[in-house]
Amino acid sequence: MAYSKDDIYAKLSEYLVEMFEVPAASIRPEARLAEDLDLDSIDAVDLIVRFQGLIGKKIPPEEFKSVRTVADVVDKVHALVQE
């Protein structure tokens, strides 16, 4: 299945609220994962695992080293889906 950036953003928002109890109002494209949403590297790994299940592809953790914001996550997952 092809996922649009909007689909990925919606899924990411759902995961952030569900898994990490991030208030939905805090989730914006420019929100920084560590500083604004209080996620740490372990949370990031959990998120990667969830997206792997969703898109059915292995996501190397180093792919996410440069990811800082919600929009970065969406762009990175979208790029992987397109491969």
N, C-alpha and C. Protein backbone atom coordinates (compact mmCIF):
# COMPACT_ATOMS: atom_id res chain seq x y z
N MET A 1 0.84 -1.20 0.00
CA MET A 1 0.00 0.00 0.00
C MET A 1 0.88 1.25 0.00
N ALA A 2 0.47 2.22 -0.77
CA ALA A 2 1.22 3.49 -0.82
C ALA A 2 0.69 4.43 0.27
N TYR A 3 1.60 5.01 0.99
CA TYR A 3 1.22 5.95 2.03
C TYR A 3 1.62 7.35 1.62
N SER A 4 0.68 8.29 1.73
CA SER A 4 1.00 9.69 1.46
C SER A 4 1.62 10.29 2.72
N LYS A 5 2.19 11.46 2.57
CA LYS A 5 2.75 12.14 3.75
C LYS A 5 1.65 12.42 4.77
N ASP A 6 0.45 12.70 4.30
CA ASP A 6 -0.68 12.94 5.22
C ASP A 6 -1.02 11.68 6.01
N ASP A 7 -0.98 10.52 5.33
CA ASP A 7 -1.24 9.24 6.01
C ASP A 7 -0.20 8.99 7.09
N ILE A 8 1.05 9.23 6.73
CA ILE A 8 2.15 8.99 7.67
C ILE A 8 2.06 9.95 8.85
N TYR A 9 1.74 11.20 8.58
CA TYR A 9 1.59 12.19 9.65
C TYR A 9 0.47 11.77 10.61
N ALA A 10 -0.63 11.30 10.05
CA ALA A 10 -1.76 10.86 10.87
C ALA A 10 -1.37 9.67 11.74
N LYS A 11 -0.65 8.71 11.15
CA LYS A 11 -0.19 7.53 11.89
C LYS A 11 0.78 7.94 12.99
N LEU A 12 1.72 8.82 12.65
CA LEU A 12 2.71 9.29 13.61
C LEU A 12 2.01 9.97 14.78
N SER A 13 1.04 10.80 14.48
CA SER A 13 0.29 11.50 15.53
C SER A 13 -0.40 10.49 16.44
N GLU A 14 -1.01 9.49 15.82
CA GLU A 14 -1.70 8.43 16.57
C GLU A 14 -0.71 7.70 17.49
N TYR A 15 0.46 7.34 16.96
CA TYR A 15 1.48 6.64 17.75
C TYR A 15 1.97 7.50 18.91
N LEU A 16 2.21 8.79 18.64
CA LEU A 16 2.72 9.68 19.68
C LEU A 16 1.74 9.80 20.84
N VAL A 17 0.46 9.91 20.52
CA VAL A 17 -0.57 10.04 21.56
C VAL A 17 -0.71 8.71 22.31
N GLU A 18 -0.83 7.63 21.53
CA GLU A 18 -1.09 6.30 22.08
C GLU A 18 0.09 5.75 22.90
N MET A 19 1.29 5.83 22.34
CA MET A 19 2.46 5.19 22.95
C MET A 19 3.18 6.06 23.98
N PHE A 20 3.17 7.36 23.76
CA PHE A 20 3.99 8.24 24.60
C PHE A 20 3.18 9.31 25.32
N GLU A 21 1.85 9.22 25.18
CA GLU A 21 0.95 10.17 25.84
C GLU A 21 1.29 11.63 25.55
N VAL A 22 1.71 11.87 24.31
CA VAL A 22 1.97 13.24 23.88
C VAL A 22 0.61 13.90 23.63
N PRO A 23 0.37 15.09 24.20
CA PRO A 23 -0.91 15.76 23.92
C PRO A 23 -1.04 16.05 22.42
N ALA A 24 -2.18 15.70 21.86
CA ALA A 24 -2.39 15.88 20.42
C ALA A 24 -2.13 17.32 19.98
N ALA A 25 -2.45 18.27 20.83
CA ALA A 25 -2.26 19.68 20.48
C ALA A 25 -0.78 20.05 20.32
N SER A 26 0.11 19.23 20.90
CA SER A 26 1.55 19.51 20.81
C SER A 26 2.16 19.00 19.51
N ILE A 27 1.43 18.15 18.81
CA ILE A 27 1.98 17.52 17.60
C ILE A 27 1.76 18.44 16.40
N ARG A 28 2.86 19.02 15.96
CA ARG A 28 2.87 19.90 14.78
C ARG A 28 4.08 19.51 13.94
N PRO A 29 4.06 19.80 12.64
CA PRO A 29 5.21 19.40 11.81
C PRO A 29 6.55 19.93 12.34
N GLU A 30 6.54 21.13 12.89
CA GLU A 30 7.80 21.74 13.35
C GLU A 30 8.18 21.34 14.78
N ALA A 31 7.33 20.57 15.45
CA ALA A 31 7.63 20.15 16.84
C ALA A 31 8.88 19.28 16.85
N ARG A 32 9.81 19.60 17.75
CA ARG A 32 11.05 18.83 17.88
C ARG A 32 10.79 17.65 18.81
N LEU A 33 11.24 16.49 18.38
CA LEU A 33 10.95 15.26 19.11
C LEU A 33 11.47 15.29 20.54
N ALA A 34 12.72 15.65 20.73
CA ALA A 34 13.30 15.63 22.08
C ALA A 34 12.86 16.82 22.90
N GLU A 35 13.04 18.01 22.36
CA GLU A 35 12.80 19.24 23.13
C GLU A 35 11.32 19.52 23.37
N ASP A 36 10.49 19.36 22.34
CA ASP A 36 9.07 19.72 22.46
C ASP A 36 8.19 18.56 22.90
N LEU A 37 8.50 17.36 22.44
CA LEU A 37 7.63 16.21 22.72
C LEU A 37 8.21 15.27 23.77
N ASP A 38 9.41 15.59 24.24
CA ASP A 38 10.02 14.84 25.34
C ASP A 38 10.27 13.37 25.00
N LEU A 39 10.63 13.07 23.75
CA LEU A 39 10.96 11.70 23.38
C LEU A 39 12.46 11.51 23.50
N ASP A 40 12.87 10.32 23.94
CA ASP A 40 14.30 10.03 24.00
C ASP A 40 14.65 8.99 22.93
N SER A 41 15.90 8.55 22.91
CA SER A 41 16.33 7.63 21.85
C SER A 41 15.61 6.29 21.93
N ILE A 42 15.25 5.86 23.13
CA ILE A 42 14.51 4.59 23.27
C ILE A 42 13.12 4.75 22.65
N ASP A 43 12.49 5.90 22.88
CA ASP A 43 11.18 6.18 22.28
C ASP A 43 11.29 6.17 20.75
N ALA A 44 12.37 6.75 20.24
CA ALA A 44 12.57 6.79 18.79
C ALA A 44 12.66 5.38 18.21
N VAL A 45 13.36 4.50 18.92
CA VAL A 45 13.47 3.11 18.46
C VAL A 45 12.08 2.45 18.45
N ASP A 46 11.29 2.69 19.50
CA ASP A 46 9.93 2.13 19.55
C ASP A 46 9.10 2.62 18.36
N LEU A 47 9.28 3.88 18.03
CA LEU A 47 8.56 4.48 16.90
C LEU A 47 8.98 3.82 15.58
N ILE A 48 10.28 3.61 15.42
CA ILE A 48 10.81 2.96 14.21
C ILE A 48 10.20 1.56 14.08
N VAL A 49 10.16 0.83 15.19
CA VAL A 49 9.60 -0.53 15.17
C VAL A 49 8.14 -0.50 14.74
N ARG A 50 7.38 0.46 15.25
CA ARG A 50 5.96 0.58 14.85
C ARG A 50 5.83 0.86 13.36
N PHE A 51 6.67 1.77 12.84
CA PHE A 51 6.60 2.09 11.41
C PHE A 51 7.05 0.92 10.55
N GLN A 52 8.01 0.13 11.02
CA GLN A 52 8.43 -1.05 10.28
C GLN A 52 7.24 -1.99 10.10
N GLY A 53 6.47 -2.16 11.17
CA GLY A 53 5.29 -3.01 11.10
C GLY A 53 4.26 -2.46 10.12
N LEU A 54 4.13 -1.14 10.11
CA LEU A 54 3.16 -0.48 9.24
C LEU A 54 3.54 -0.61 7.77
N ILE A 55 4.79 -0.29 7.45
CA ILE A 55 5.20 -0.26 6.04
C ILE A 55 5.79 -1.58 5.55
N GLY A 56 6.03 -2.51 6.50
CA GLY A 56 6.53 -3.82 6.11
C GLY A 56 7.96 -3.79 5.58
N LYS A 57 8.75 -2.84 6.04
CA LYS A 57 10.16 -2.75 5.63
C LYS A 57 11.02 -2.55 6.84
N LYS A 58 12.25 -3.05 6.76
CA LYS A 58 13.22 -2.83 7.83
C LYS A 58 13.71 -1.39 7.71
N ILE A 59 13.75 -0.70 8.83
CA ILE A 59 14.24 0.68 8.84
C ILE A 59 15.52 0.69 9.68
N PRO A 60 16.67 0.92 9.04
CA PRO A 60 17.90 0.98 9.82
C PRO A 60 17.87 2.18 10.77
N PRO A 61 18.16 1.97 12.06
CA PRO A 61 18.11 3.09 13.02
C PRO A 61 18.96 4.28 12.60
N GLU A 62 20.08 4.03 11.91
CA GLU A 62 20.91 5.16 11.48
C GLU A 62 20.20 6.09 10.50
N GLU A 63 19.15 5.57 9.84
CA GLU A 63 18.34 6.41 8.96
C GLU A 63 17.69 7.55 9.75
N PHE A 64 17.51 7.32 11.05
CA PHE A 64 16.80 8.31 11.87
C PHE A 64 17.73 9.20 12.69
N LYS A 65 19.04 9.04 12.49
CA LYS A 65 20.00 9.85 13.25
C LYS A 65 19.80 11.35 13.03
N SER A 66 19.45 11.74 11.80
CA SER A 66 19.32 13.16 11.46
C SER A 66 17.92 13.72 11.72
N VAL A 67 17.01 12.86 12.14
CA VAL A 67 15.62 13.25 12.35
C VAL A 67 15.49 14.06 13.65
N ARG A 68 14.91 15.26 13.54
CA ARG A 68 14.77 16.12 14.72
C ARG A 68 13.32 16.54 14.99
N THR A 69 12.52 16.61 13.93
CA THR A 69 11.16 17.12 14.08
C THR A 69 10.14 16.10 13.57
N VAL A 70 8.88 16.38 13.86
CA VAL A 70 7.78 15.54 13.37
C VAL A 70 7.84 15.48 11.84
N ALA A 71 8.06 16.62 11.19
CA ALA A 71 8.12 16.66 9.72
C ALA A 71 9.27 15.81 9.20
N ASP A 72 10.41 15.80 9.92
CA ASP A 72 11.55 14.97 9.51
C ASP A 72 11.17 13.49 9.50
N VAL A 73 10.44 13.07 10.52
CA VAL A 73 10.01 11.67 10.61
C VAL A 73 9.11 11.34 9.42
N VAL A 74 8.15 12.22 9.15
CA VAL A 74 7.22 12.01 8.04
C VAL A 74 7.99 11.90 6.73
N ASP A 75 8.92 12.84 6.50
CA ASP A 75 9.71 12.83 5.26
C ASP A 75 10.54 11.55 5.13
N LYS A 76 11.15 11.14 6.21
CA LYS A 76 12.02 9.95 6.19
C LYS A 76 11.21 8.69 5.92
N VAL A 77 10.09 8.52 6.62
CA VAL A 77 9.26 7.33 6.41
C VAL A 77 8.68 7.35 5.01
N HIS A 78 8.27 8.52 4.53
CA HIS A 78 7.71 8.63 3.18
C HIS A 78 8.76 8.23 2.14
N ALA A 79 10.00 8.68 2.33
CA ALA A 79 11.08 8.34 1.39
C ALA A 79 11.31 6.83 1.38
N LEU A 80 11.26 6.20 2.55
CA LEU A 80 11.47 4.75 2.63
C LEU A 80 10.34 3.98 1.96
N VAL A 81 9.13 4.49 2.08
CA VAL A 81 7.97 3.85 1.45
C VAL A 81 8.09 3.91 -0.08
N GLN A 82 8.68 4.99 -0.58
CA GLN A 82 8.81 5.18 -2.03
C GLN A 82 9.88 4.28 -2.67
N GLU A 83 10.82 3.79 -1.84
CA GLU A 83 11.93 2.99 -2.37
C GLU A 83 11.47 1.69 -3.01
